[in-house]
Amino acid sequence: MTAQLRRVLLRPPGGSDGWERCGWRGEPDPVAIAHEHESLCATLERAGAEVVLAEPTEGNPDAIYVFDPVLVADGGAILLNPGKECRRGEPASLAPDLERAGVPVAGSLNGDAHAEGGDLIRLDEDTLMAGRGYRTNSDGIWALERMLPGVEMLVFDLPHWRGPDEVMHLLSLLSPLAPDLVVAYPPLLPTRLAQLLEERDIEIVPVPDEEFETMGANVLALAPRVALAGARGRRGRDLRRHGAEQGRRRPNLPHAAAPPSRLSTSSTASSGDSARGTPSTAWPGSRITTGRPRRSAKPISASVPQLPPTAITASPEATTARLRA
């Protein structure tokens, strides 16, 4: 999840229809959203990632948050089953884009088994953390565990916070920056998760109270300790103090040969989603975001950075899905 970002899949916005049904706090500005999307694409390209776009989706503004509908594993993409009702059709609509990107669909969640990418964080090659809450339930977690033999699933109950109508993903609380470094909001971390980070000697860059509401814990790792985020004030200083490089320039890292394609998805934000985008999980070295086919048709690896809050006020991590290409 913190390996160098090489290829990314994004979904361009398809309009503002459906914003009330999806629980947005206000109607988004289509012009401003389109501008943010183009800025995000340009930012990722400047960071050295190849950008691939999926087809836009009409009538569901949440569909730009491609990190949530799918999880990328070694064998391909697992289509998830969002807990948020208006997003239930997103995994199936994303499948053709994944296939075009060279990422086969390896499985899917159905029925009452719900999971969203924003509640899944890859801690290391053998460990996947899952947040159980209003968007991801026990049936979804157990189904994923059966699909991922050899991967240990660590489950943490998420806080109620403001209830089911406002998003609270695991990635709302924590974003990995390197194998030994995370950005997190400690006051809401599940106790066992805080203990686990300490046991594994993983340092925390704490998000100040005043930055939590503006997605302060939602940071995209472009490479180990290279972060793309709207880091301002105290959090920005803390990132630099921990040796994390900030900004939108290309990471100064050697270009490694691309491994076989893998994918992981992003999570959503509504009422709370549109106000606070949520990050998500991907296998190390792979990331993807969705949008209409654009700069490349090759297999991709993707992830999304955090943009300044404007029209959609959502994090970059949420609008991307990660692939390993």
C-alpha atoms as a PDB file:
ATOM      1  CA  MET A   1       0.000   0.000   0.000  1.00  0.00           C
ATOM      2  CA  THR A   2       2.991   2.297   0.319  1.00  0.00           C
ATOM      3  CA  ALA A   3       5.120   0.985  -2.548  1.00  0.00           C
ATOM      4  CA  GLN A   4       5.990   3.324  -5.401  1.00  0.00           C
ATOM      5  CA  LEU A   5       2.877   4.293  -7.344  1.00  0.00           C
ATOM      6  CA  ARG A   6       3.407   3.423 -11.029  1.00  0.00           C
ATOM      7  CA  ARG A   7      -0.016   3.160 -12.679  1.00  0.00           C
ATOM      8  CA  VAL A   8      -3.418   4.461 -11.593  1.00  0.00           C
ATOM      9  CA  LEU A   9      -7.020   4.092 -12.721  1.00  0.00           C
ATOM     10  CA  LEU A  10      -9.432   7.019 -12.153  1.00  0.00           C
ATOM     11  CA  ARG A  11     -13.087   7.562 -12.950  1.00  0.00           C
ATOM     12  CA  PRO A  12     -13.987  11.060 -14.174  1.00  0.00           C
ATOM     13  CA  PRO A  13     -17.106  12.608 -12.649  1.00  0.00           C
ATOM     14  CA  GLY A  14     -20.334  11.860 -14.493  1.00  0.00           C
ATOM     15  CA  GLY A  15     -22.422  14.788 -13.306  1.00  0.00           C
ATOM     16  CA  SER A  16     -24.204  15.745 -10.112  1.00  0.00           C
ATOM     17  CA  ASP A  17     -27.474  13.815 -10.570  1.00  0.00           C
ATOM     18  CA  GLY A  18     -28.258  11.614  -7.582  1.00  0.00           C
ATOM     19  CA  TRP A  19     -26.387  13.696  -4.991  1.00  0.00           C
ATOM     20  CA  GLU A  20     -29.386  13.820  -2.637  1.00  0.00           C
ATOM     21  CA  ARG A  21     -30.006  10.082  -2.870  1.00  0.00           C
ATOM     22  CA  CYS A  22     -26.334   9.461  -2.057  1.00  0.00           C
ATOM     23  CA  GLY A  23     -26.513  11.704   1.006  1.00  0.00           C
ATOM     24  CA  TRP A  24     -24.289  14.561  -0.151  1.00  0.00           C
ATOM     25  CA  ARG A  25     -24.644  17.713   1.958  1.00  0.00           C
ATOM     26  CA  GLY A  26     -25.106  19.923  -1.083  1.00  0.00           C
ATOM     27  CA  GLU A  27     -25.192  19.768  -4.862  1.00  0.00           C
ATOM     28  CA  PRO A  28     -21.641  19.592  -6.226  1.00  0.00           C
ATOM     29  CA  ASP A  29     -20.408  22.064  -8.832  1.00  0.00           C
ATOM     30  CA  PRO A  30     -19.807  20.020 -12.040  1.00  0.00           C
ATOM     31  CA  VAL A  31     -17.235  22.511 -13.358  1.00  0.00           C
ATOM     32  CA  ALA A  32     -15.263  22.533 -10.108  1.00  0.00           C
ATOM     33  CA  ILE A  33     -15.377  18.738  -9.854  1.00  0.00           C
ATOM     34  CA  ALA A  34     -14.102  18.346 -13.425  1.00  0.00           C
ATOM     35  CA  HIS A  35     -11.293  20.778 -12.659  1.00  0.00           C
ATOM     36  CA  GLU A  36     -10.335  18.833  -9.518  1.00  0.00           C
ATOM     37  CA  HIS A  37     -10.325  15.597 -11.488  1.00  0.00           C
ATOM     38  CA  GLU A  38      -8.009  17.016 -14.142  1.00  0.00           C
ATOM     39  CA  SER A  39      -5.748  18.435 -11.448  1.00  0.00           C
ATOM     40  CA  LEU A  40      -5.583  15.044  -9.758  1.00  0.00           C
ATOM     41  CA  CYS A  41      -4.686  13.299 -13.021  1.00  0.00           C
ATOM     42  CA  ALA A  42      -1.946  15.841 -13.686  1.00  0.00           C
ATOM     43  CA  THR A  43      -0.641  15.542 -10.125  1.00  0.00           C
ATOM     44  CA  LEU A  44      -0.371  11.763 -10.360  1.00  0.00           C
ATOM     45  CA  GLU A  45       1.381  11.978 -13.720  1.00  0.00           C
ATOM     46  CA  ARG A  46       3.872  14.493 -12.366  1.00  0.00           C
ATOM     47  CA  ALA A  47       4.562  12.025  -9.554  1.00  0.00           C
ATOM     48  CA  GLY A  48       5.541   9.456 -12.173  1.00  0.00           C
ATOM     49  CA  ALA A  49       2.342   7.398 -12.335  1.00  0.00           C
ATOM     50  CA  GLU A  50       0.673   6.377 -15.564  1.00  0.00           C
ATOM     51  CA  VAL A  51      -2.991   7.420 -15.446  1.00  0.00           C
ATOM     52  CA  VAL A  52      -5.740   5.249 -16.958  1.00  0.00           C
ATOM     53  CA  LEU A  53      -9.385   6.330 -16.923  1.00  0.00           C
ATOM     54  CA  ALA A  54     -12.553   4.268 -16.573  1.00  0.00           C
ATOM     55  CA  GLU A  55     -15.928   5.153 -18.022  1.00  0.00           C
ATOM     56  CA  PRO A  56     -17.878   7.859 -16.154  1.00  0.00           C
ATOM     57  CA  THR A  57     -21.120   6.823 -14.439  1.00  0.00           C
ATOM     58  CA  GLU A  58     -24.281   8.944 -14.535  1.00  0.00           C
ATOM     59  CA  GLY A  59     -26.694   9.258 -11.630  1.00  0.00           C
ATOM     60  CA  ASN A  60     -24.242   8.265  -8.893  1.00  0.00           C
ATOM     61  CA  PRO A  61     -21.717  10.935  -7.872  1.00  0.00           C
ATOM     62  CA  ASP A  62     -20.204   8.495  -5.348  1.00  0.00           C
ATOM     63  CA  ALA A  63     -18.890   6.393  -8.256  1.00  0.00           C
ATOM     64  CA  ILE A  64     -15.809   8.632  -8.530  1.00  0.00           C
ATOM     65  CA  TYR A  65     -14.591   7.029  -5.284  1.00  0.00           C
ATOM     66  CA  VAL A  66     -13.284   3.886  -6.940  1.00  0.00           C
ATOM     67  CA  PHE A  67     -11.275   2.689  -3.986  1.00  0.00           C
ATOM     68  CA  ASP A  68     -14.396   1.225  -2.360  1.00  0.00           C
ATOM     69  CA  PRO A  69     -15.973  -1.197  -4.865  1.00  0.00           C
ATOM     70  CA  VAL A  70     -12.999  -3.536  -5.357  1.00  0.00           C
ATOM     71  CA  LEU A  71     -10.025  -5.091  -3.585  1.00  0.00           C
ATOM     72  CA  VAL A  72      -7.008  -6.160  -5.628  1.00  0.00           C
ATOM     73  CA  ALA A  73      -5.266  -9.359  -4.618  1.00  0.00           C
ATOM     74  CA  ASP A  74      -2.576 -11.590  -6.136  1.00  0.00           C
ATOM     75  CA  GLY A  75      -5.098 -13.511  -8.218  1.00  0.00           C
ATOM     76  CA  GLY A  76      -6.955 -10.456  -9.496  1.00  0.00           C
ATOM     77  CA  ALA A  77      -9.734  -8.140  -8.377  1.00  0.00           C
ATOM     78  CA  ILE A  78     -12.372  -9.061  -5.824  1.00  0.00           C
ATOM     79  CA  LEU A  79     -15.575  -7.141  -6.494  1.00  0.00           C
ATOM     80  CA  LEU A  80     -16.859  -5.969  -3.137  1.00  0.00           C
ATOM     81  CA  ASN A  81     -20.445  -5.293  -2.043  1.00  0.00           C
ATOM     82  CA  PRO A  82     -20.762  -1.772  -0.589  1.00  0.00           C
ATOM     83  CA  GLY A  83     -22.757  -1.336   2.585  1.00  0.00           C
ATOM     84  CA  LYS A  84     -24.082   1.958   1.247  1.00  0.00           C
ATOM     85  CA  GLU A  85     -27.176   1.086  -0.773  1.00  0.00           C
ATOM     86  CA  CYS A  86     -26.773   3.656  -3.571  1.00  0.00           C
ATOM     87  CA  ARG A  87     -23.339   2.166  -4.354  1.00  0.00           C
ATOM     88  CA  ARG A  88     -24.343  -1.487  -4.742  1.00  0.00           C
ATOM     89  CA  GLY A  89     -24.097  -1.355  -8.545  1.00  0.00           C
ATOM     90  CA  GLU A  90     -20.562   0.055  -8.656  1.00  0.00           C
ATOM     91  CA  PRO A  91     -18.554  -3.190  -8.458  1.00  0.00           C
ATOM     92  CA  ALA A  92     -20.273  -4.695 -11.516  1.00  0.00           C
ATOM     93  CA  SER A  93     -19.948  -1.463 -13.493  1.00  0.00           C
ATOM     94  CA  LEU A  94     -16.249  -1.305 -12.661  1.00  0.00           C
ATOM     95  CA  ALA A  95     -15.527  -4.883 -13.823  1.00  0.00           C
ATOM     96  CA  PRO A  96     -15.190  -4.052 -17.578  1.00  0.00           C
ATOM     97  CA  ASP A  97     -12.769  -1.219 -16.764  1.00  0.00           C
ATOM     98  CA  LEU A  98     -10.660  -3.590 -14.682  1.00  0.00           C
ATOM     99  CA  GLU A  99     -10.612  -6.162 -17.472  1.00  0.00           C
ATOM    100  CA  ARG A 100      -9.512  -3.498 -19.971  1.00  0.00           C
ATOM    101  CA  ALA A 101      -6.767  -2.515 -17.555  1.00  0.00           C
ATOM    102  CA  GLY A 102      -5.517  -6.097 -17.520  1.00  0.00           C
ATOM    103  CA  VAL A 103      -6.835  -6.987 -14.066  1.00  0.00           C
ATOM    104  CA  PRO A 104      -8.975 -10.153 -14.090  1.00  0.00           C
ATOM    105  CA  VAL A 105     -11.962 -10.458 -11.769  1.00  0.00           C
ATOM    106  CA  ALA A 106     -11.148 -13.264  -9.315  1.00  0.00           C
ATOM    107  CA  GLY A 107     -14.283 -13.221  -7.180  1.00  0.00           C
ATOM    108  CA  SER A 108     -17.116 -11.171  -5.747  1.00  0.00           C
ATOM    109  CA  LEU A 109     -19.152 -10.566  -2.595  1.00  0.00           C
ATOM    110  CA  ASN A 110     -22.908 -10.952  -2.787  1.00  0.00           C
ATOM    111  CA  GLY A 111     -26.077 -10.972  -0.722  1.00  0.00           C
ATOM    112  CA  ASP A 112     -25.688  -9.832   2.873  1.00  0.00           C
ATOM    113  CA  ALA A 113     -21.880  -9.954   2.779  1.00  0.00           C
ATOM    114  CA  HIS A 114     -20.889  -6.280   2.645  1.00  0.00           C
ATOM    115  CA  ALA A 115     -17.443  -4.694   2.459  1.00  0.00           C
ATOM    116  CA  GLU A 116     -15.959  -1.436   1.178  1.00  0.00           C
ATOM    117  CA  GLY A 117     -12.349  -0.769   0.289  1.00  0.00           C
ATOM    118  CA  GLY A 118     -12.134   2.114   2.740  1.00  0.00           C
ATOM    119  CA  ASP A 119     -12.357  -0.412   5.564  1.00  0.00           C
ATOM    120  CA  LEU A 120      -9.456  -2.549   4.302  1.00  0.00           C
ATOM    121  CA  ILE A 121      -5.784  -1.746   4.907  1.00  0.00           C
ATOM    122  CA  ARG A 122      -2.870  -3.982   3.978  1.00  0.00           C
ATOM    123  CA  LEU A 123      -0.478  -3.876   6.936  1.00  0.00           C
ATOM    124  CA  ASP A 124       2.122  -6.142   5.314  1.00  0.00           C
ATOM    125  CA  GLU A 125       2.283  -8.950   2.734  1.00  0.00           C
ATOM    126  CA  ASP A 126       0.584 -11.404   5.108  1.00  0.00           C
ATOM    127  CA  THR A 127      -1.799  -9.178   7.059  1.00  0.00           C
ATOM    128  CA  LEU A 128      -4.989  -7.369   6.063  1.00  0.00           C
ATOM    129  CA  MET A 129      -6.745  -5.108   8.576  1.00  0.00           C
ATOM    130  CA  ALA A 130     -10.523  -4.768   8.336  1.00  0.00           C
ATOM    131  CA  GLY A 131     -12.769  -2.191   9.980  1.00  0.00           C
ATOM    132  CA  ARG A 132     -16.188  -3.527  10.960  1.00  0.00           C
ATOM    133  CA  GLY A 133     -18.871  -0.849  10.979  1.00  0.00           C
ATOM    134  CA  TYR A 134     -21.875   0.423   9.034  1.00  0.00           C
ATOM    135  CA  ARG A 135     -20.286  -0.178   5.587  1.00  0.00           C
ATOM    136  CA  THR A 136     -18.426  -3.459   6.191  1.00  0.00           C
ATOM    137  CA  ASN A 137     -19.975  -6.291   8.198  1.00  0.00           C
ATOM    138  CA  SER A 138     -18.824  -9.611   9.650  1.00  0.00           C
ATOM    139  CA  ASP A 139     -20.231 -11.642   6.734  1.00  0.00           C
ATOM    140  CA  GLY A 140     -18.252  -9.540   4.264  1.00  0.00           C
ATOM    141  CA  ILE A 141     -15.041  -9.877   6.269  1.00  0.00           C
ATOM    142  CA  TRP A 142     -15.423 -13.641   6.629  1.00  0.00           C
ATOM    143  CA  ALA A 143     -16.130 -13.999   2.903  1.00  0.00           C
ATOM    144  CA  LEU A 144     -12.963 -12.074   2.061  1.00  0.00           C
ATOM    145  CA  GLU A 145     -10.972 -14.188   4.496  1.00  0.00           C
ATOM    146  CA  ARG A 146     -12.065 -17.336   2.639  1.00  0.00           C
ATOM    147  CA  MET A 147     -11.021 -15.762  -0.684  1.00  0.00           C
ATOM    148  CA  LEU A 148      -7.564 -14.813   0.613  1.00  0.00           C
ATOM    149  CA  PRO A 149      -5.889 -18.001   1.864  1.00  0.00           C
ATOM    150  CA  GLY A 150      -2.609 -17.346   3.620  1.00  0.00           C
ATOM    151  CA  VAL A 151      -3.588 -13.787   4.583  1.00  0.00           C
ATOM    152  CA  GLU A 152      -4.256 -13.058   8.259  1.00  0.00           C
ATOM    153  CA  MET A 153      -7.358 -10.889   8.755  1.00  0.00           C
ATOM    154  CA  LEU A 154      -7.278  -8.558  11.767  1.00  0.00           C
ATOM    155  CA  VAL A 155     -10.712  -7.108  12.556  1.00  0.00           C
ATOM    156  CA  PHE A 156     -11.337  -3.862  14.447  1.00  0.00           C
ATOM    157  CA  ASP A 157     -14.724  -2.452  15.427  1.00  0.00           C
ATOM    158  CA  LEU A 158     -15.120   1.128  14.222  1.00  0.00           C
ATOM    159  CA  PRO A 159     -16.616   3.887  16.378  1.00  0.00           C
ATOM    160  CA  HIS A 160     -20.290   4.784  15.959  1.00  0.00           C
ATOM    161  CA  TRP A 161     -19.215   8.439  15.523  1.00  0.00           C
ATOM    162  CA  ARG A 162     -22.231  10.136  13.907  1.00  0.00           C
ATOM    163  CA  GLY A 163     -24.124   7.021  12.943  1.00  0.00           C
ATOM    164  CA  PRO A 164     -24.897   5.140   9.721  1.00  0.00           C
ATOM    165  CA  ASP A 165     -25.717   8.224   7.660  1.00  0.00           C
ATOM    166  CA  GLU A 166     -22.158   9.574   7.789  1.00  0.00           C
ATOM    167  CA  VAL A 167     -19.192   7.591   6.583  1.00  0.00           C
ATOM    168  CA  MET A 168     -16.639   6.246   9.044  1.00  0.00           C
ATOM    169  CA  HIS A 169     -14.124   3.971   7.375  1.00  0.00           C
ATOM    170  CA  LEU A 170     -10.981   2.493   8.848  1.00  0.00           C
ATOM    171  CA  LEU A 171      -9.120   4.731   6.400  1.00  0.00           C
ATOM    172  CA  SER A 172     -10.910   7.729   7.888  1.00  0.00           C
ATOM    173  CA  LEU A 173      -8.702   7.113  10.905  1.00  0.00           C
ATOM    174  CA  LEU A 174      -5.402   5.862   9.534  1.00  0.00           C
ATOM    175  CA  SER A 175      -3.288   5.954   6.355  1.00  0.00           C
ATOM    176  CA  PRO A 176      -0.003   4.054   5.922  1.00  0.00           C
ATOM    177  CA  LEU A 177       2.998   6.080   4.720  1.00  0.00           C
ATOM    178  CA  ALA A 178       5.653   3.368   5.031  1.00  0.00           C
ATOM    179  CA  PRO A 179       5.931  -0.077   6.654  1.00  0.00           C
ATOM    180  CA  ASP A 180       6.909   1.660   9.905  1.00  0.00           C
ATOM    181  CA  LEU A 181       4.923   4.930   9.654  1.00  0.00           C
ATOM    182  CA  VAL A 182       1.232   5.919   9.532  1.00  0.00           C
ATOM    183  CA  VAL A 183      -0.824   9.101   9.679  1.00  0.00           C
ATOM    184  CA  ALA A 184      -3.660   8.611  12.169  1.00  0.00           C
ATOM    185  CA  TYR A 185      -6.207  10.283  14.415  1.00  0.00           C
ATOM    186  CA  PRO A 186      -5.430   8.609  17.804  1.00  0.00           C
ATOM    187  CA  PRO A 187      -8.569   9.721  19.729  1.00  0.00           C
ATOM    188  CA  LEU A 188     -10.800   7.471  17.578  1.00  0.00           C
ATOM    189  CA  LEU A 189      -8.411   4.560  16.932  1.00  0.00           C
ATOM    190  CA  PRO A 190      -9.732   1.221  18.213  1.00  0.00           C
ATOM    191  CA  THR A 191      -7.717   0.325  21.320  1.00  0.00           C
ATOM    192  CA  ARG A 192      -6.447  -2.954  19.903  1.00  0.00           C
ATOM    193  CA  LEU A 193      -5.300  -1.211  16.725  1.00  0.00           C
ATOM    194  CA  ALA A 194      -3.335   1.383  18.714  1.00  0.00           C
ATOM    195  CA  GLN A 195      -1.732  -1.457  20.679  1.00  0.00           C
ATOM    196  CA  LEU A 196      -0.877  -3.316  17.469  1.00  0.00           C
ATOM    197  CA  LEU A 197       0.905  -0.285  16.011  1.00  0.00           C
ATOM    198  CA  GLU A 198       2.948   0.024  19.195  1.00  0.00           C
ATOM    199  CA  GLU A 199       3.787  -3.696  19.240  1.00  0.00           C
ATOM    200  CA  ARG A 200       5.065  -3.495  15.664  1.00  0.00           C
ATOM    201  CA  ASP A 201       7.052  -0.299  16.285  1.00  0.00           C
ATOM    202  CA  ILE A 202       4.973   1.622  13.752  1.00  0.00           C
ATOM    203  CA  GLU A 203       5.222   5.355  14.407  1.00  0.00           C
ATOM    204  CA  ILE A 204       2.150   7.585  14.264  1.00  0.00           C
ATOM    205  CA  VAL A 205       2.041  11.076  12.777  1.00  0.00           C
ATOM    206  CA  PRO A 206      -0.964  12.370  14.757  1.00  0.00           C
ATOM    207  CA  VAL A 207      -3.685  14.365  13.042  1.00  0.00           C
ATOM    208  CA  PRO A 208      -4.698  17.445  15.095  1.00  0.00           C
ATOM    209  CA  ASP A 209      -8.348  17.754  16.118  1.00  0.00           C
ATOM    210  CA  GLU A 210      -8.863  20.740  13.829  1.00  0.00           C
ATOM    211  CA  GLU A 211      -7.716  18.751  10.771  1.00  0.00           C
ATOM    212  CA  PHE A 212      -9.742  15.579  11.327  1.00  0.00           C
ATOM    213  CA  GLU A 213     -12.907  17.056   9.813  1.00  0.00           C
ATOM    214  CA  THR A 214     -10.987  18.036   6.666  1.00  0.00           C
ATOM    215  CA  MET A 215      -9.686  14.513   6.024  1.00  0.00           C
ATOM    216  CA  GLY A 216      -6.436  14.990   7.887  1.00  0.00           C
ATOM    217  CA  ALA A 217      -5.914  11.244   8.269  1.00  0.00           C
ATOM    218  CA  ASN A 218      -6.485  10.636   4.570  1.00  0.00           C
ATOM    219  CA  VAL A 219      -3.102  10.653   2.857  1.00  0.00           C
ATOM    220  CA  LEU A 220      -1.910   8.960  -0.297  1.00  0.00           C
ATOM    221  CA  ALA A 221       1.541   7.365  -0.269  1.00  0.00           C
ATOM    222  CA  LEU A 222       3.232   7.869  -3.642  1.00  0.00           C
ATOM    223  CA  ALA A 223       6.197   5.865  -2.353  1.00  0.00           C
ATOM    224  CA  PRO A 224       7.522   4.981   1.115  1.00  0.00           C
ATOM    225  CA  ARG A 225       7.564   8.252   3.120  1.00  0.00           C
ATOM    226  CA  VAL A 226       6.512  10.254   0.071  1.00  0.00           C
ATOM    227  CA  ALA A 227       3.005  11.595   0.684  1.00  0.00           C
ATOM    228  CA  LEU A 228       0.464  13.370  -1.461  1.00  0.00           C
ATOM    229  CA  ALA A 229      -1.831  15.275   0.870  1.00  0.00           C
ATOM    230  CA  GLY A 230      -3.141  18.700   1.666  1.00  0.00           C
ATOM    231  CA  ALA A 231      -0.861  18.743   4.678  1.00  0.00           C
ATOM    232  CA  ARG A 232      -0.962  22.098   6.342  1.00  0.00           C
ATOM    233  CA  GLY A 233       0.131  23.500   9.656  1.00  0.00           C
ATOM    234  CA  ARG A 234       0.959  21.063  12.393  1.00  0.00           C
ATOM    235  CA  ARG A 235       0.424  17.866  10.413  1.00  0.00           C
ATOM    236  CA  GLY A 236       2.712  19.058   7.618  1.00  0.00           C
ATOM    237  CA  ARG A 237       5.451  19.839  10.123  1.00  0.00           C
ATOM    238  CA  ASP A 238       4.966  16.456  11.799  1.00  0.00           C
ATOM    239  CA  LEU A 239       5.241  14.650   8.462  1.00  0.00           C
ATOM    240  CA  ARG A 240       8.541  16.363   7.711  1.00  0.00           C
ATOM    241  CA  ARG A 241       9.811  15.644  11.217  1.00  0.00           C
ATOM    242  CA  HIS A 242       9.193  11.930  10.606  1.00  0.00           C
ATOM    243  CA  GLY A 243      11.145  12.087   7.354  1.00  0.00           C
ATOM    244  CA  ALA A 244       8.068  11.973   5.120  1.00  0.00           C
ATOM    245  CA  GLU A 245       8.449  13.986   1.951  1.00  0.00           C
ATOM    246  CA  GLN A 246       5.455  16.082   0.946  1.00  0.00           C
ATOM    247  CA  GLY A 247       4.409  17.438  -2.347  1.00  0.00           C
ATOM    248  CA  ARG A 248       3.490  16.624  -5.881  1.00  0.00           C
ATOM    249  CA  ARG A 249       6.819  16.048  -7.507  1.00  0.00           C
ATOM    250  CA  ARG A 250       8.030  12.748  -8.860  1.00  0.00           C
ATOM    251  CA  PRO A 251       9.586  10.549  -6.151  1.00  0.00           C
ATOM    252  CA  ASN A 252      13.327  10.176  -6.650  1.00  0.00           C
ATOM    253  CA  LEU A 253      13.242   6.389  -6.666  1.00  0.00           C
ATOM    254  CA  PRO A 254      14.673   3.752  -8.989  1.00  0.00           C
ATOM    255  CA  HIS A 255      12.158   2.385 -11.469  1.00  0.00           C
ATOM    256  CA  ALA A 256      11.648  -1.280 -10.676  1.00  0.00           C
ATOM    257  CA  ALA A 257      10.264  -3.804 -13.125  1.00  0.00           C
ATOM    258  CA  ALA A 258       6.494  -4.001 -12.855  1.00  0.00           C
ATOM    259  CA  PRO A 259       5.200  -7.145 -11.114  1.00  0.00           C
ATOM    260  CA  PRO A 260       2.142  -9.120 -12.298  1.00  0.00           C
ATOM    261  CA  SER A 261      -1.044  -7.080 -12.231  1.00  0.00           C
ATOM    262  CA  ARG A 262      -2.857  -6.671  -8.925  1.00  0.00           C
ATOM    263  CA  LEU A 263      -5.570  -4.291  -7.802  1.00  0.00           C
ATOM    264  CA  SER A 264      -7.074  -2.716  -4.719  1.00  0.00           C
ATOM    265  CA  THR A 265      -9.965  -0.328  -4.322  1.00  0.00           C
ATOM    266  CA  SER A 266     -11.003   2.918  -2.745  1.00  0.00           C
ATOM    267  CA  SER A 267     -13.749   3.898  -0.394  1.00  0.00           C
ATOM    268  CA  THR A 268     -16.512   6.414  -0.429  1.00  0.00           C
ATOM    269  CA  ALA A 269     -17.761   9.541   1.264  1.00  0.00           C
ATOM    270  CA  SER A 270     -21.352  10.749   1.465  1.00  0.00           C
ATOM    271  CA  SER A 271     -23.113  13.164   3.750  1.00  0.00           C
ATOM    272  CA  GLY A 272     -20.021  12.303   5.615  1.00  0.00           C
ATOM    273  CA  ASP A 273     -18.764  10.935   2.360  1.00  0.00           C
ATOM    274  CA  SER A 274     -18.731  14.170   0.458  1.00  0.00           C
ATOM    275  CA  ALA A 275     -17.413  15.929   3.499  1.00  0.00           C
ATOM    276  CA  ARG A 276     -14.683  13.537   4.407  1.00  0.00           C
ATOM    277  CA  GLY A 277     -13.339  11.156   1.795  1.00  0.00           C
ATOM    278  CA  THR A 278     -11.996   7.855   2.948  1.00  0.00           C
ATOM    279  CA  PRO A 279      -8.861   6.028   1.932  1.00  0.00           C
ATOM    280  CA  SER A 280      -8.596   2.352   1.281  1.00  0.00           C
ATOM    281  CA  THR A 281      -6.483  -0.683   0.848  1.00  0.00           C
ATOM    282  CA  ALA A 282      -4.303  -2.112  -1.886  1.00  0.00           C
ATOM    283  CA  TRP A 283      -1.671  -4.758  -2.071  1.00  0.00           C
ATOM    284  CA  PRO A 284       1.822  -3.343  -1.809  1.00  0.00           C
ATOM    285  CA  GLY A 285       2.990  -1.989  -5.122  1.00  0.00           C
ATOM    286  CA  SER A 286      -0.470  -1.771  -6.675  1.00  0.00           C
ATOM    287  CA  ARG A 287      -3.012   1.031  -6.920  1.00  0.00           C
ATOM    288  CA  ILE A 288      -5.903   1.973  -9.181  1.00  0.00           C
ATOM    289  CA  THR A 289      -8.403   4.794  -9.682  1.00  0.00           C
ATOM    290  CA  THR A 290     -11.301   4.888 -12.084  1.00  0.00           C
ATOM    291  CA  GLY A 291     -12.306   7.065 -15.006  1.00  0.00           C
ATOM    292  CA  ARG A 292     -12.934   6.872 -18.782  1.00  0.00           C
ATOM    293  CA  PRO A 293     -10.170   5.152 -20.785  1.00  0.00           C
ATOM    294  CA  ARG A 294      -7.655   7.847 -21.345  1.00  0.00           C
ATOM    295  CA  ARG A 295      -3.891   7.993 -21.205  1.00  0.00           C
ATOM    296  CA  SER A 296      -3.192   4.275 -21.335  1.00  0.00           C
ATOM    297  CA  ALA A 297      -4.900   1.006 -22.070  1.00  0.00           C
ATOM    298  CA  LYS A 298      -2.267  -1.177 -20.426  1.00  0.00           C
ATOM    299  CA  PRO A 299      -2.678  -2.954 -17.076  1.00  0.00           C
ATOM    300  CA  ILE A 300      -2.352  -0.446 -14.224  1.00  0.00           C
ATOM    301  CA  SER A 301      -1.518   0.132 -10.608  1.00  0.00           C
ATOM    302  CA  ALA A 302      -3.192   3.018  -8.851  1.00  0.00           C
ATOM    303  CA  SER A 303      -4.042   5.145  -5.819  1.00  0.00           C
ATOM    304  CA  VAL A 304      -5.491   8.591  -5.057  1.00  0.00           C
ATOM    305  CA  PRO A 305      -3.990  11.691  -3.421  1.00  0.00           C
ATOM    306  CA  GLN A 306      -5.762  14.177  -1.226  1.00  0.00           C
ATOM    307  CA  LEU A 307      -6.855  17.403  -2.893  1.00  0.00           C
ATOM    308  CA  PRO A 308      -7.761  20.648  -1.201  1.00  0.00           C
ATOM    309  CA  PRO A 309     -11.430  20.641  -0.257  1.00  0.00           C
ATOM    310  CA  THR A 310     -13.375  22.419  -3.008  1.00  0.00           C
ATOM    311  CA  ALA A 311     -16.444  21.145  -4.813  1.00  0.00           C
ATOM    312  CA  ILE A 312     -16.337  17.464  -3.908  1.00  0.00           C
ATOM    313  CA  THR A 313     -14.323  17.884  -0.735  1.00  0.00           C
ATOM    314  CA  ALA A 314     -13.161  14.303  -0.977  1.00  0.00           C
ATOM    315  CA  SER A 315      -9.778  12.726  -0.557  1.00  0.00           C
ATOM    316  CA  PRO A 316      -7.600  11.506  -3.403  1.00  0.00           C
ATOM    317  CA  GLU A 317      -7.122   8.117  -1.808  1.00  0.00           C
ATOM    318  CA  ALA A 318     -10.874   7.575  -1.951  1.00  0.00           C
ATOM    319  CA  THR A 319     -11.131   8.437  -5.631  1.00  0.00           C
ATOM    320  CA  THR A 320      -8.527   5.887  -6.636  1.00  0.00           C
ATOM    321  CA  ALA A 321      -8.073   2.158  -6.695  1.00  0.00           C
ATOM    322  CA  ARG A 322      -4.687   0.532  -6.625  1.00  0.00           C
ATOM    323  CA  LEU A 323      -3.344  -1.947  -9.176  1.00  0.00           C
ATOM    324  CA  ARG A 324      -0.072  -3.768  -9.457  1.00  0.00           C
ATOM    325  CA  ALA A 325       0.908  -3.873 -13.091  1.00  0.00           C
END
